Amino acid sequence: MSTRPDQPPGRIQADAFHLLHFFAIQVVLHVIGLDFRPTNLSSVGFVLGSLAVSVVAAWALYELVEKPMMRRFATKRRGEGQPSAVVRS
């Protein structure tokens, strides 16, 4: 059994993060209001808030949608408990 993961942990949620980051920005803009006047401190808060919402939403999408779909529809790779077929001439 190998201790090396199939994918690095940061890569797992990357697709979900890319799908959701725009919506996370919209949510944060809606929460702080449309009359947002950026200053240095509020801009940092906006970026950190958007990042936090994006990461949590990406984790939830991965855990609640992507992983169950992979378990349900993925096929086993050759060599994972299945002997390979031997062809004789």
PDB file of N, CA and C in Angstrom:
ATOM      1  N   MET A   1       0.836  -1.180   0.000  1.00  0.00           N
ATOM      2  CA  MET A   1       0.000   0.000   0.000  1.00  0.00           C
ATOM      3  C   MET A   1       0.881   1.244   0.000  1.00  0.00           C
ATOM      4  N   SER A   2       0.599   2.157  -0.869  1.00  0.00           N
ATOM      5  CA  SER A   2       1.398   3.365  -1.004  1.00  0.00           C
ATOM      6  C   SER A   2       0.885   4.452  -0.060  1.00  0.00           C
ATOM      7  N   THR A   3       1.807   5.248   0.475  1.00  0.00           N
ATOM      8  CA  THR A   3       1.404   6.362   1.329  1.00  0.00           C
ATOM      9  C   THR A   3       1.222   7.638   0.529  1.00  0.00           C
ATOM     10  N   ARG A   4       1.596   7.626  -0.721  1.00  0.00           N
ATOM     11  CA  ARG A   4       1.458   8.801  -1.578  1.00  0.00           C
ATOM     12  C   ARG A   4       0.010   8.938  -2.050  1.00  0.00           C
ATOM     13  N   PRO A   5      -0.621  10.099  -1.865  1.00  0.00           N
ATOM     14  CA  PRO A   5      -2.002  10.261  -2.321  1.00  0.00           C
ATOM     15  C   PRO A   5      -2.064  10.347  -3.841  1.00  0.00           C
ATOM     16  N   ASP A   6      -3.237  10.024  -4.387  1.00  0.00           N
ATOM     17  CA  ASP A   6      -3.420  10.109  -5.833  1.00  0.00           C
ATOM     18  C   ASP A   6      -3.312  11.552  -6.320  1.00  0.00           C
ATOM     19  N   GLN A   7      -3.845  12.477  -5.542  1.00  0.00           N
ATOM     20  CA  GLN A   7      -3.803  13.885  -5.896  1.00  0.00           C
ATOM     21  C   GLN A   7      -3.349  14.680  -4.680  1.00  0.00           C
ATOM     22  N   PRO A   8      -2.593  15.737  -4.893  1.00  0.00           N
ATOM     23  CA  PRO A   8      -2.252  16.589  -3.748  1.00  0.00           C
ATOM     24  C   PRO A   8      -3.513  17.265  -3.203  1.00  0.00           C
ATOM     25  N   PRO A   9      -3.595  17.527  -1.905  1.00  0.00           N
ATOM     26  CA  PRO A   9      -4.822  18.068  -1.319  1.00  0.00           C
ATOM     27  C   PRO A   9      -5.272  19.388  -1.933  1.00  0.00           C
ATOM     28  N   GLY A  10      -4.354  20.251  -2.340  1.00  0.00           N
ATOM     29  CA  GLY A  10      -4.743  21.522  -2.929  1.00  0.00           C
ATOM     30  C   GLY A  10      -5.388  21.381  -4.282  1.00  0.00           C
ATOM     31  N   ARG A  11      -5.080  20.350  -4.990  1.00  0.00           N
ATOM     32  CA  ARG A  11      -5.612  20.154  -6.338  1.00  0.00           C
ATOM     33  C   ARG A  11      -7.036  19.607  -6.314  1.00  0.00           C
ATOM     34  N   ILE A  12      -7.413  18.967  -5.230  1.00  0.00           N
ATOM     35  CA  ILE A  12      -8.710  18.301  -5.166  1.00  0.00           C
ATOM     36  C   ILE A  12      -9.854  19.285  -5.367  1.00  0.00           C
ATOM     37  N   GLN A  13      -9.789  20.439  -4.732  1.00  0.00           N
ATOM     38  CA  GLN A  13     -10.886  21.383  -4.765  1.00  0.00           C
ATOM     39  C   GLN A  13     -10.717  22.465  -5.829  1.00  0.00           C
ATOM     40  N   ALA A  14      -9.683  22.387  -6.621  1.00  0.00           N
ATOM     41  CA  ALA A  14      -9.402  23.461  -7.573  1.00  0.00           C
ATOM     42  C   ALA A  14     -10.528  23.646  -8.581  1.00  0.00           C
ATOM     43  N   ASP A  15     -11.063  22.570  -9.100  1.00  0.00           N
ATOM     44  CA  ASP A  15     -12.139  22.691 -10.085  1.00  0.00           C
ATOM     45  C   ASP A  15     -13.376  23.315  -9.461  1.00  0.00           C
ATOM     46  N   ALA A  16     -13.735  22.863  -8.268  1.00  0.00           N
ATOM     47  CA  ALA A  16     -14.892  23.430  -7.580  1.00  0.00           C
ATOM     48  C   ALA A  16     -14.653  24.901  -7.240  1.00  0.00           C
ATOM     49  N   PHE A  17     -13.438  25.226  -6.840  1.00  0.00           N
ATOM     50  CA  PHE A  17     -13.109  26.618  -6.516  1.00  0.00           C
ATOM     51  C   PHE A  17     -13.290  27.506  -7.739  1.00  0.00           C
ATOM     52  N   HIS A  18     -12.819  27.059  -8.890  1.00  0.00           N
ATOM     53  CA  HIS A  18     -12.950  27.852 -10.115  1.00  0.00           C
ATOM     54  C   HIS A  18     -14.409  28.021 -10.511  1.00  0.00           C
ATOM     55  N   LEU A  19     -15.238  27.009 -10.253  1.00  0.00           N
ATOM     56  CA  LEU A  19     -16.655  27.119 -10.570  1.00  0.00           C
ATOM     57  C   LEU A  19     -17.376  28.108  -9.655  1.00  0.00           C
ATOM     58  N   LEU A  20     -16.944  28.207  -8.410  1.00  0.00           N
ATOM     59  CA  LEU A  20     -17.718  28.931  -7.408  1.00  0.00           C
ATOM     60  C   LEU A  20     -17.188  30.298  -7.016  1.00  0.00           C
ATOM     61  N   HIS A  21     -15.969  30.657  -7.400  1.00  0.00           N
ATOM     62  CA  HIS A  21     -15.406  31.900  -6.876  1.00  0.00           C
ATOM     63  C   HIS A  21     -16.186  33.143  -7.305  1.00  0.00           C
ATOM     64  N   PHE A  22     -16.728  33.165  -8.502  1.00  0.00           N
ATOM     65  CA  PHE A  22     -17.517  34.319  -8.941  1.00  0.00           C
ATOM     66  C   PHE A  22     -18.762  34.484  -8.075  1.00  0.00           C
ATOM     67  N   PHE A  23     -19.438  33.373  -7.777  1.00  0.00           N
ATOM     68  CA  PHE A  23     -20.638  33.433  -6.950  1.00  0.00           C
ATOM     69  C   PHE A  23     -20.309  33.837  -5.517  1.00  0.00           C
ATOM     70  N   ALA A  24     -19.143  33.415  -5.034  1.00  0.00           N
ATOM     71  CA  ALA A  24     -18.720  33.819  -3.695  1.00  0.00           C
ATOM     72  C   ALA A  24     -18.487  35.321  -3.633  1.00  0.00           C
ATOM     73  N   ILE A  25     -17.895  35.883  -4.662  1.00  0.00           N
ATOM     74  CA  ILE A  25     -17.689  37.336  -4.713  1.00  0.00           C
ATOM     75  C   ILE A  25     -19.031  38.054  -4.706  1.00  0.00           C
ATOM     76  N   GLN A  26     -19.998  37.544  -5.449  1.00  0.00           N
ATOM     77  CA  GLN A  26     -21.325  38.151  -5.476  1.00  0.00           C
ATOM     78  C   GLN A  26     -22.006  38.084  -4.112  1.00  0.00           C
ATOM     79  N   VAL A  27     -21.841  36.966  -3.413  1.00  0.00           N
ATOM     80  CA  VAL A  27     -22.432  36.818  -2.078  1.00  0.00           C
ATOM     81  C   VAL A  27     -21.825  37.835  -1.120  1.00  0.00           C
ATOM     82  N   VAL A  28     -20.509  37.964  -1.137  1.00  0.00           N
ATOM     83  CA  VAL A  28     -19.846  38.920  -0.245  1.00  0.00           C
ATOM     84  C   VAL A  28     -20.267  40.348  -0.596  1.00  0.00           C
ATOM     85  N   LEU A  29     -20.367  40.697  -1.863  1.00  0.00           N
ATOM     86  CA  LEU A  29     -20.839  42.030  -2.261  1.00  0.00           C
ATOM     87  C   LEU A  29     -22.263  42.279  -1.778  1.00  0.00           C
ATOM     88  N   HIS A  30     -23.098  41.262  -1.850  1.00  0.00           N
ATOM     89  CA  HIS A  30     -24.479  41.406  -1.391  1.00  0.00           C
ATOM     90  C   HIS A  30     -24.535  41.607   0.126  1.00  0.00           C
ATOM     91  N   VAL A  31     -23.688  40.897   0.855  1.00  0.00           N
ATOM     92  CA  VAL A  31     -23.678  41.006   2.314  1.00  0.00           C
ATOM     93  C   VAL A  31     -23.193  42.388   2.761  1.00  0.00           C
ATOM     94  N   ILE A  32     -22.142  42.898   2.129  1.00  0.00           N
ATOM     95  CA  ILE A  32     -21.612  44.194   2.570  1.00  0.00           C
ATOM     96  C   ILE A  32     -22.373  45.373   1.969  1.00  0.00           C
ATOM     97  N   GLY A  33     -23.183  45.126   0.978  1.00  0.00           N
ATOM     98  CA  GLY A  33     -24.005  46.189   0.395  1.00  0.00           C
ATOM     99  C   GLY A  33     -23.452  46.684  -0.922  1.00  0.00           C
ATOM    100  N   LEU A  34     -24.331  47.253  -1.725  1.00  0.00           N
ATOM    101  CA  LEU A  34     -23.939  47.722  -3.046  1.00  0.00           C
ATOM    102  C   LEU A  34     -23.234  49.070  -3.006  1.00  0.00           C
ATOM    103  N   ASP A  35     -23.334  49.789  -1.882  1.00  0.00           N
ATOM    104  CA  ASP A  35     -22.677  51.092  -1.780  1.00  0.00           C
ATOM    105  C   ASP A  35     -21.273  50.957  -1.182  1.00  0.00           C
ATOM    106  N   PHE A  36     -20.609  49.878  -1.494  1.00  0.00           N
ATOM    107  CA  PHE A  36     -19.280  49.566  -0.979  1.00  0.00           C
ATOM    108  C   PHE A  36     -18.270  50.553  -1.547  1.00  0.00           C
ATOM    109  N   ARG A  37     -17.603  51.290  -0.657  1.00  0.00           N
ATOM    110  CA  ARG A  37     -16.549  52.225  -1.051  1.00  0.00           C
ATOM    111  C   ARG A  37     -15.221  51.666  -0.540  1.00  0.00           C
ATOM    112  N   PRO A  38     -14.418  51.133  -1.440  1.00  0.00           N
ATOM    113  CA  PRO A  38     -13.210  50.434  -0.992  1.00  0.00           C
ATOM    114  C   PRO A  38     -12.150  51.357  -0.397  1.00  0.00           C
ATOM    115  N   THR A  39     -11.611  50.913   0.714  1.00  0.00           N
ATOM    116  CA  THR A  39     -10.414  51.496   1.305  1.00  0.00           C
ATOM    117  C   THR A  39      -9.407  50.358   1.414  1.00  0.00           C
ATOM    118  N   ASN A  40      -8.220  50.634   1.868  1.00  0.00           N
ATOM    119  CA  ASN A  40      -7.226  49.562   1.976  1.00  0.00           C
ATOM    120  C   ASN A  40      -7.706  48.439   2.898  1.00  0.00           C
ATOM    121  N   LEU A  41      -8.219  48.813   4.074  1.00  0.00           N
ATOM    122  CA  LEU A  41      -8.646  47.802   5.038  1.00  0.00           C
ATOM    123  C   LEU A  41      -9.884  47.051   4.561  1.00  0.00           C
ATOM    124  N   SER A  42     -10.847  47.777   3.998  1.00  0.00           N
ATOM    125  CA  SER A  42     -12.057  47.095   3.538  1.00  0.00           C
ATOM    126  C   SER A  42     -11.774  46.213   2.319  1.00  0.00           C
ATOM    127  N   SER A  43     -10.809  46.588   1.509  1.00  0.00           N
ATOM    128  CA  SER A  43     -10.443  45.749   0.357  1.00  0.00           C
ATOM    129  C   SER A  43      -9.833  44.432   0.820  1.00  0.00           C
ATOM    130  N   VAL A  44      -8.983  44.497   1.840  1.00  0.00           N
ATOM    131  CA  VAL A  44      -8.392  43.274   2.387  1.00  0.00           C
ATOM    132  C   VAL A  44      -9.486  42.398   2.975  1.00  0.00           C
ATOM    133  N   GLY A  45     -10.419  42.996   3.693  1.00  0.00           N
ATOM    134  CA  GLY A  45     -11.543  42.235   4.249  1.00  0.00           C
ATOM    135  C   GLY A  45     -12.397  41.609   3.163  1.00  0.00           C
ATOM    136  N   PHE A  46     -12.630  42.360   2.084  1.00  0.00           N
ATOM    137  CA  PHE A  46     -13.419  41.835   0.963  1.00  0.00           C
ATOM    138  C   PHE A  46     -12.732  40.627   0.329  1.00  0.00           C
ATOM    139  N   VAL A  47     -11.438  40.740   0.096  1.00  0.00           N
ATOM    140  CA  VAL A  47     -10.694  39.635  -0.518  1.00  0.00           C
ATOM    141  C   VAL A  47     -10.683  38.415   0.405  1.00  0.00           C
ATOM    142  N   LEU A  48     -10.420  38.624   1.689  1.00  0.00           N
ATOM    143  CA  LEU A  48     -10.390  37.501   2.630  1.00  0.00           C
ATOM    144  C   LEU A  48     -11.774  36.872   2.798  1.00  0.00           C
ATOM    145  N   GLY A  49     -12.805  37.703   2.823  1.00  0.00           N
ATOM    146  CA  GLY A  49     -14.167  37.169   2.915  1.00  0.00           C
ATOM    147  C   GLY A  49     -14.540  36.352   1.690  1.00  0.00           C
ATOM    148  N   SER A  50     -14.215  36.871   0.512  1.00  0.00           N
ATOM    149  CA  SER A  50     -14.499  36.143  -0.736  1.00  0.00           C
ATOM    150  C   SER A  50     -13.729  34.833  -0.799  1.00  0.00           C
ATOM    151  N   LEU A  51     -12.476  34.874  -0.365  1.00  0.00           N
ATOM    152  CA  LEU A  51     -11.665  33.659  -0.353  1.00  0.00           C
ATOM    153  C   LEU A  51     -12.239  32.628   0.608  1.00  0.00           C
ATOM    154  N   ALA A  52     -12.639  33.062   1.794  1.00  0.00           N
ATOM    155  CA  ALA A  52     -13.199  32.129   2.772  1.00  0.00           C
ATOM    156  C   ALA A  52     -14.489  31.488   2.261  1.00  0.00           C
ATOM    157  N   VAL A  53     -15.372  32.294   1.697  1.00  0.00           N
ATOM    158  CA  VAL A  53     -16.626  31.751   1.159  1.00  0.00           C
ATOM    159  C   VAL A  53     -16.334  30.788   0.013  1.00  0.00           C
ATOM    160  N   SER A  54     -15.396  31.123  -0.854  1.00  0.00           N
ATOM    161  CA  SER A  54     -15.050  30.255  -1.988  1.00  0.00           C
ATOM    162  C   SER A  54     -14.490  28.917  -1.528  1.00  0.00           C
ATOM    163  N   VAL A  55     -13.589  28.940  -0.554  1.00  0.00           N
ATOM    164  CA  VAL A  55     -12.962  27.696  -0.085  1.00  0.00           C
ATOM    165  C   VAL A  55     -13.990  26.801   0.596  1.00  0.00           C
ATOM    166  N   VAL A  56     -14.844  27.375   1.423  1.00  0.00           N
ATOM    167  CA  VAL A  56     -15.866  26.565   2.107  1.00  0.00           C
ATOM    168  C   VAL A  56     -16.850  25.991   1.095  1.00  0.00           C
ATOM    169  N   ALA A  57     -17.282  26.786   0.137  1.00  0.00           N
ATOM    170  CA  ALA A  57     -18.210  26.298  -0.882  1.00  0.00           C
ATOM    171  C   ALA A  57     -17.561  25.231  -1.764  1.00  0.00           C
ATOM    172  N   ALA A  58     -16.287  25.406  -2.101  1.00  0.00           N
ATOM    173  CA  ALA A  58     -15.589  24.403  -2.919  1.00  0.00           C
ATOM    174  C   ALA A  58     -15.435  23.100  -2.158  1.00  0.00           C
ATOM    175  N   TRP A  59     -15.107  23.181  -0.864  1.00  0.00           N
ATOM    176  CA  TRP A  59     -14.996  21.970  -0.047  1.00  0.00           C
ATOM    177  C   TRP A  59     -16.338  21.251   0.010  1.00  0.00           C
ATOM    178  N   ALA A  60     -17.426  22.008   0.240  1.00  0.00           N
ATOM    179  CA  ALA A  60     -18.752  21.396   0.323  1.00  0.00           C
ATOM    180  C   ALA A  60     -19.144  20.745  -1.005  1.00  0.00           C
ATOM    181  N   LEU A  61     -18.893  21.417  -2.109  1.00  0.00           N
ATOM    182  CA  LEU A  61     -19.216  20.844  -3.423  1.00  0.00           C
ATOM    183  C   LEU A  61     -18.432  19.560  -3.663  1.00  0.00           C
ATOM    184  N   TYR A  62     -17.146  19.572  -3.292  1.00  0.00           N
ATOM    185  CA  TYR A  62     -16.317  18.390  -3.492  1.00  0.00           C
ATOM    186  C   TYR A  62     -16.792  17.230  -2.619  1.00  0.00           C
ATOM    187  N   GLU A  63     -17.025  17.503  -1.336  1.00  0.00           N
ATOM    188  CA  GLU A  63     -17.403  16.443  -0.402  1.00  0.00           C
ATOM    189  C   GLU A  63     -18.818  15.921  -0.637  1.00  0.00           C
ATOM    190  N   LEU A  64     -19.753  16.799  -0.979  1.00  0.00           N
ATOM    191  CA  LEU A  64     -21.160  16.410  -1.064  1.00  0.00           C
ATOM    192  C   LEU A  64     -21.619  16.015  -2.461  1.00  0.00           C
ATOM    193  N   VAL A  65     -20.865  16.420  -3.476  1.00  0.00           N
ATOM    194  CA  VAL A  65     -21.289  16.112  -4.854  1.00  0.00           C
ATOM    195  C   VAL A  65     -20.237  15.283  -5.583  1.00  0.00           C
ATOM    196  N   GLU A  66     -19.016  15.808  -5.671  1.00  0.00           N
ATOM    197  CA  GLU A  66     -18.017  15.174  -6.522  1.00  0.00           C
ATOM    198  C   GLU A  66     -17.572  13.806  -6.008  1.00  0.00           C
ATOM    199  N   LYS A  67     -17.248  13.698  -4.718  1.00  0.00           N
ATOM    200  CA  LYS A  67     -16.795  12.416  -4.175  1.00  0.00           C
ATOM    201  C   LYS A  67     -17.862  11.325  -4.290  1.00  0.00           C
ATOM    202  N   PRO A  68     -19.136  11.610  -3.916  1.00  0.00           N
ATOM    203  CA  PRO A  68     -20.156  10.562  -4.101  1.00  0.00           C
ATOM    204  C   PRO A  68     -20.341  10.152  -5.570  1.00  0.00           C
ATOM    205  N   MET A  69     -20.235  11.103  -6.482  1.00  0.00           N
ATOM    206  CA  MET A  69     -20.363  10.769  -7.903  1.00  0.00           C
ATOM    207  C   MET A  69     -19.185   9.919  -8.374  1.00  0.00           C
ATOM    208  N   MET A  70     -17.985  10.228  -7.893  1.00  0.00           N
ATOM    209  CA  MET A  70     -16.824   9.421  -8.275  1.00  0.00           C
ATOM    210  C   MET A  70     -16.962   8.000  -7.735  1.00  0.00           C
ATOM    211  N   ARG A  71     -17.440   7.871  -6.497  1.00  0.00           N
ATOM    212  CA  ARG A  71     -17.612   6.520  -5.932  1.00  0.00           C
ATOM    213  C   ARG A  71     -18.664   5.735  -6.705  1.00  0.00           C
ATOM    214  N   ARG A  72     -19.717   6.419  -7.118  1.00  0.00           N
ATOM    215  CA  ARG A  72     -20.806   5.719  -7.793  1.00  0.00           C
ATOM    216  C   ARG A  72     -20.461   5.340  -9.235  1.00  0.00           C
ATOM    217  N   PHE A  73     -19.818   6.226  -9.957  1.00  0.00           N
ATOM    218  CA  PHE A  73     -19.639   6.005 -11.393  1.00  0.00           C
ATOM    219  C   PHE A  73     -18.210   5.664 -11.820  1.00  0.00           C
ATOM    220  N   ALA A  74     -17.260   5.693 -10.921  1.00  0.00           N
ATOM    221  CA  ALA A  74     -15.876   5.399 -11.295  1.00  0.00           C
ATOM    222  C   ALA A  74     -15.705   3.907 -11.551  1.00  0.00           C
ATOM    223  N   THR A  75     -14.826   3.593 -12.470  1.00  0.00           N
ATOM    224  CA  THR A  75     -14.495   2.192 -12.725  1.00  0.00           C
ATOM    225  C   THR A  75     -13.173   1.886 -12.047  1.00  0.00           C
ATOM    226  N   LYS A  76     -13.000   0.641 -11.662  1.00  0.00           N
ATOM    227  CA  LYS A  76     -11.740   0.246 -11.033  1.00  0.00           C
ATOM    228  C   LYS A  76     -10.643   0.217 -12.076  1.00  0.00           C
ATOM    229  N   ARG A  77      -9.473   0.664 -11.656  1.00  0.00           N
ATOM    230  CA  ARG A  77      -8.320   0.607 -12.547  1.00  0.00           C
ATOM    231  C   ARG A  77      -7.734  -0.790 -12.508  1.00  0.00           C
ATOM    232  N   ARG A  78      -7.100  -1.141 -13.582  1.00  0.00           N
ATOM    233  CA  ARG A  78      -6.441  -2.434 -13.637  1.00  0.00           C
ATOM    234  C   ARG A  78      -5.313  -2.439 -12.618  1.00  0.00           C
ATOM    235  N   GLY A  79      -5.201  -3.487 -11.860  1.00  0.00           N
ATOM    236  CA  GLY A  79      -4.156  -3.588 -10.859  1.00  0.00           C
ATOM    237  C   GLY A  79      -4.640  -3.256  -9.462  1.00  0.00           C
ATOM    238  N   GLU A  80      -5.878  -2.837  -9.302  1.00  0.00           N
ATOM    239  CA  GLU A  80      -6.425  -2.546  -7.989  1.00  0.00           C
ATOM    240  C   GLU A  80      -7.325  -3.702  -7.547  1.00  0.00           C
ATOM    241  N   GLY A  81      -6.710  -4.809  -7.228  1.00  0.00           N
ATOM    242  CA  GLY A  81      -7.480  -5.945  -6.747  1.00  0.00           C
ATOM    243  C   GLY A  81      -7.990  -6.872  -7.839  1.00  0.00           C
ATOM    244  N   GLN A  82      -7.844  -6.486  -9.072  1.00  0.00           N
ATOM    245  CA  GLN A  82      -8.311  -7.294 -10.194  1.00  0.00           C
ATOM    246  C   GLN A  82      -7.107  -7.837 -10.956  1.00  0.00           C
ATOM    247  N   PRO A  83      -7.056  -9.137 -11.168  1.00  0.00           N
ATOM    248  CA  PRO A  83      -5.955  -9.660 -11.978  1.00  0.00           C
ATOM    249  C   PRO A  83      -6.156  -9.257 -13.439  1.00  0.00           C
ATOM    250  N   SER A  84      -5.056  -8.972 -14.106  1.00  0.00           N
ATOM    251  CA  SER A  84      -5.147  -8.606 -15.514  1.00  0.00           C
ATOM    252  C   SER A  84      -5.355  -9.868 -16.364  1.00  0.00           C
ATOM    253  N   ALA A  85      -5.999  -9.693 -17.491  1.00  0.00           N
ATOM    254  CA  ALA A  85      -6.259 -10.810 -18.380  1.00  0.00           C
ATOM    255  C   ALA A  85      -4.971 -11.240 -19.081  1.00  0.00           C
ATOM    256  N   VAL A  86      -4.804 -12.529 -19.226  1.00  0.00           N
ATOM    257  CA  VAL A  86      -3.623 -13.069 -19.893  1.00  0.00           C
ATOM    258  C   VAL A  86      -4.075 -13.588 -21.252  1.00  0.00           C
ATOM    259  N   VAL A  87      -3.433 -13.099 -22.309  1.00  0.00           N
ATOM    260  CA  VAL A  87      -3.778 -13.524 -23.662  1.00  0.00           C
ATOM    261  C   VAL A  87      -2.689 -14.471 -24.128  1.00  0.00           C
ATOM    262  N   ARG A  88      -3.098 -15.678 -24.533  1.00  0.00           N
ATOM    263  CA  ARG A  88      -2.130 -16.665 -25.037  1.00  0.00           C
ATOM    264  C   ARG A  88      -2.322 -16.843 -26.530  1.00  0.00           C
ATOM    265  N   SER A  89      -1.215 -16.986 -27.211  1.00  0.00           N
ATOM    266  CA  SER A  89      -1.293 -17.152 -28.650  1.00  0.00           C
ATOM    267  C   SER A  89      -1.336 -18.611 -29.019  1.00  0.00           C
TER     268      SER A  89
END
